[in-house]
Amino acid sequence: MDRSTLGRFTKITAVVSLVVILLVINVVQYSKNNSINELNEDINKRLQLSEDEQNTLMNEKAATEKELLKVKLENDKLRSEITDLNTDIENLEILDSASIQELSWVGIDDSEDIITDLYEHPELIPFDGVLGGTMFFYKATVINYKWVYAHFEDGHIHGVGLYEFEVDHNNQITWKLIDAFLSGD
């Protein structure tokens, strides 16, 4: 495995690991919230008891509500962290130095030029819009000097595709669809 492939693999592995961690955090928070809500419901049912038992349960309820507030605040904090991490993922530069060098040899100094060109070719999207919508690209990432991963939608349905591109000596880009699918398919 050459160094540039290993670098790309390491970056992709880091992004995948980060996404898995974020999913685990969401599952844990969801479980905590459900447990606290179930406990609160159980306390409300038991309030049909004696006055002493009712006072005891009211104190438990207050403690539970206080704990719930703490969990909600922690959940809000974690959601903020997830938002920050998602922003970091979106800003993560995937192109390695070899790919950047390959692109510069054909006159492309900025990967945004490739993305802009792709956006001008919605005919590359292999799906028709629905309910009067027109498919368009709204997010794309240049993976290397050969491929782009792109998101598309029409306002009703969305999907992703992998596109191969080639830049000729006149800086003209030709495109080829490798694969695409609609979300939920």
Protein backbone atom coordinates (compact mmCIF):
# COMPACT_ATOMS: atom_id res chain seq x y z
CA MET A 1 0.00 0.00 0.00
CA ASP A 2 1.62 3.28 -1.06
CA ARG A 3 1.86 6.28 1.26
CA SER A 4 -0.90 8.37 -0.41
CA THR A 5 -3.38 5.48 -0.29
CA LEU A 6 -2.49 4.87 3.34
CA GLY A 7 -3.05 8.59 4.08
CA ARG A 8 -6.47 8.56 2.43
CA PHE A 9 -7.35 5.34 4.24
CA THR A 10 -6.29 6.86 7.57
CA LYS A 11 -8.39 10.01 6.99
CA ILE A 12 -11.43 8.02 5.89
CA THR A 13 -11.02 5.70 8.91
CA ALA A 14 -10.89 8.75 11.20
CA VAL A 15 -14.09 10.19 9.70
CA VAL A 16 -15.92 6.85 9.96
CA SER A 17 -14.76 6.44 13.58
CA LEU A 18 -16.00 9.92 14.42
CA VAL A 19 -19.41 9.21 12.91
CA VAL A 20 -19.67 5.93 14.89
CA ILE A 21 -18.79 7.75 18.12
CA LEU A 22 -21.47 10.36 17.43
CA LEU A 23 -24.06 7.66 16.84
CA VAL A 24 -23.15 5.92 20.12
CA ILE A 25 -23.47 9.21 22.00
CA ASN A 26 -26.95 9.78 20.55
CA VAL A 27 -28.08 6.24 21.47
CA VAL A 28 -26.83 6.63 25.06
CA GLN A 29 -28.59 9.98 25.45
CA TYR A 30 -31.80 8.58 24.00
CA SER A 31 -31.68 5.65 26.44
CA LYS A 32 -31.08 7.96 29.42
CA ASN A 33 -34.03 10.17 28.48
CA ASN A 34 -36.34 7.17 28.05
CA SER A 35 -35.33 5.69 31.43
CA ILE A 36 -35.96 8.94 33.25
CA ASN A 37 -39.36 9.39 31.56
CA GLU A 38 -40.38 5.84 32.51
CA LEU A 39 -39.33 6.44 36.11
CA ASN A 40 -41.33 9.66 36.18
CA GLU A 41 -44.45 7.85 34.90
CA ASP A 42 -44.02 5.14 37.54
CA ILE A 43 -43.78 7.78 40.26
CA ASN A 44 -46.99 9.42 39.07
CA LYS A 45 -48.84 6.07 39.24
CA ARG A 46 -47.67 5.43 42.78
CA LEU A 47 -48.97 8.83 43.98
CA GLN A 48 -52.28 7.12 44.77
CA LEU A 49 -50.71 5.99 48.06
CA SER A 50 -50.79 7.36 51.60
CA GLU A 51 -49.85 10.92 52.48
CA ASP A 52 -46.42 9.91 53.85
CA GLU A 53 -45.78 7.81 50.79
CA GLN A 54 -47.00 10.67 48.60
CA ASN A 55 -44.56 13.09 50.27
CA THR A 56 -41.73 10.60 49.78
CA LEU A 57 -42.66 10.14 46.14
CA MET A 58 -42.94 13.88 45.59
CA ASN A 59 -39.38 14.25 46.85
CA GLU A 60 -38.28 11.46 44.50
CA LYS A 61 -40.13 13.16 41.66
CA ALA A 62 -38.39 16.47 42.39
CA ALA A 63 -35.01 14.71 42.43
CA THR A 64 -35.88 12.94 39.17
CA GLU A 65 -36.96 16.17 37.53
CA LYS A 66 -33.72 17.77 38.66
CA GLU A 67 -31.80 14.84 37.17
CA LEU A 68 -33.84 15.13 33.98
CA LEU A 69 -32.92 18.79 33.71
CA LYS A 70 -29.25 17.87 34.13
CA VAL A 71 -29.56 15.22 31.43
CA LYS A 72 -31.33 17.65 29.10
CA LEU A 73 -28.58 20.21 29.63
CA GLU A 74 -25.96 17.54 29.01
CA ASN A 75 -27.88 16.43 25.93
CA ASP A 76 -27.96 20.01 24.62
CA LYS A 77 -24.22 20.27 25.23
CA LEU A 78 -23.62 17.00 23.36
CA ARG A 79 -25.85 18.12 20.48
CA SER A 80 -23.76 21.27 20.24
CA GLU A 81 -20.59 19.17 20.21
CA ILE A 82 -22.10 16.95 17.50
CA THR A 83 -22.91 20.03 15.43
CA ASP A 84 -19.33 21.25 15.87
CA LEU A 85 -17.95 17.82 14.93
CA ASN A 86 -20.20 17.63 11.86
CA THR A 87 -18.88 21.04 10.83
CA ASP A 88 -15.34 19.73 11.32
CA ILE A 89 -16.16 16.69 9.17
CA GLU A 90 -17.58 18.89 6.42
CA ASN A 91 -14.46 21.05 6.50
CA LEU A 92 -12.11 18.07 6.54
CA GLU A 93 -9.84 18.19 3.53
CA ILE A 94 -9.81 14.75 1.96
CA LEU A 95 -7.48 15.46 -0.94
CA ASP A 96 -3.99 14.20 -0.32
CA SER A 97 -0.86 15.88 -1.65
CA ALA A 98 -0.51 13.44 -4.56
CA SER A 99 -4.04 14.20 -5.77
CA ILE A 100 -3.46 17.93 -5.42
CA GLN A 101 -0.25 17.54 -7.47
CA GLU A 102 -2.07 15.50 -10.15
CA LEU A 103 -4.74 18.20 -10.45
CA SER A 104 -2.19 20.99 -10.64
CA TRP A 105 -0.43 19.21 -13.53
CA VAL A 106 -3.59 19.59 -15.61
CA GLY A 107 -4.15 23.19 -14.53
CA ILE A 108 -6.64 22.74 -11.67
CA ASP A 109 -5.38 24.65 -8.64
CA ASP A 110 -8.59 24.52 -6.62
CA SER A 111 -10.85 21.50 -6.18
CA GLU A 112 -13.80 23.93 -6.05
CA ASP A 113 -13.36 24.34 -9.84
CA ILE A 114 -14.20 20.65 -10.23
CA ILE A 115 -17.22 20.91 -7.92
CA THR A 116 -18.46 24.00 -9.77
CA ASP A 117 -18.20 22.16 -13.07
CA LEU A 118 -20.13 19.19 -11.69
CA TYR A 119 -22.90 21.51 -10.44
CA GLU A 120 -23.28 22.71 -14.04
CA HIS A 121 -24.12 19.16 -15.18
CA PRO A 122 -27.33 18.03 -13.46
CA GLU A 123 -27.92 15.72 -16.42
CA LEU A 124 -25.38 13.41 -14.73
CA ILE A 125 -27.96 12.65 -12.04
CA PRO A 126 -29.55 9.35 -13.14
CA PHE A 127 -32.91 10.01 -11.47
CA ASP A 128 -35.81 12.23 -12.45
CA GLY A 129 -37.27 14.69 -9.99
CA VAL A 130 -40.70 14.00 -8.53
CA LEU A 131 -43.75 16.19 -7.94
CA GLY A 132 -42.46 18.76 -10.41
CA GLY A 133 -39.01 18.99 -8.81
CA THR A 134 -35.77 19.26 -10.77
CA MET A 135 -32.71 17.37 -9.61
CA PHE A 136 -29.60 19.40 -8.74
CA PHE A 137 -26.32 18.89 -6.92
CA TYR A 138 -26.09 20.60 -3.54
CA LYS A 139 -22.95 19.19 -1.94
CA ALA A 140 -19.89 17.52 -3.38
CA THR A 141 -16.49 16.38 -2.19
CA VAL A 142 -13.48 15.80 -4.41
CA ILE A 143 -12.09 12.50 -3.13
CA ASN A 144 -8.96 12.43 -5.26
CA TYR A 145 -7.69 13.40 -8.72
CA LYS A 146 -10.22 11.03 -10.29
CA TRP A 147 -13.45 10.85 -8.24
CA VAL A 148 -16.11 13.10 -6.71
CA TYR A 149 -18.75 12.06 -4.17
CA ALA A 150 -21.85 14.20 -4.65
CA HIS A 151 -25.25 14.72 -3.01
CA PHE A 152 -28.27 15.66 -5.13
CA GLU A 153 -31.97 16.37 -4.59
CA ASP A 154 -35.08 17.90 -6.10
CA GLY A 155 -36.68 19.23 -2.91
CA HIS A 156 -38.61 15.98 -2.38
CA ILE A 157 -36.14 13.12 -2.76
CA HIS A 158 -32.37 13.01 -2.44
CA GLY A 159 -29.48 10.71 -3.17
CA VAL A 160 -25.76 10.44 -3.66
CA GLY A 161 -23.47 9.46 -6.48
CA LEU A 162 -19.87 8.64 -7.22
CA TYR A 163 -18.55 10.36 -10.33
CA GLU A 164 -15.33 9.90 -12.24
CA PHE A 165 -13.84 12.94 -13.92
CA GLU A 166 -11.00 13.63 -16.29
CA VAL A 167 -9.40 16.96 -17.04
CA ASP A 168 -7.89 17.42 -20.49
CA HIS A 169 -5.03 19.78 -21.36
CA ASN A 170 -7.52 22.57 -22.10
CA ASN A 171 -8.92 22.30 -18.55
CA GLN A 172 -12.14 20.79 -19.93
CA ILE A 173 -13.68 18.28 -17.55
CA THR A 174 -15.48 15.17 -18.75
CA TRP A 175 -17.68 13.20 -16.38
CA LYS A 176 -18.73 9.59 -15.98
CA LEU A 177 -21.24 8.24 -13.47
CA ILE A 178 -19.81 5.31 -11.49
CA ASP A 179 -22.82 4.64 -9.23
CA ALA A 180 -25.70 6.48 -7.60
CA PHE A 181 -28.67 5.74 -5.42
CA LEU A 182 -31.59 7.49 -3.81
CA SER A 183 -31.64 7.62 -0.03
CA GLY A 184 -33.92 4.95 1.29
CA ASP A 185 -33.32 2.61 -1.69
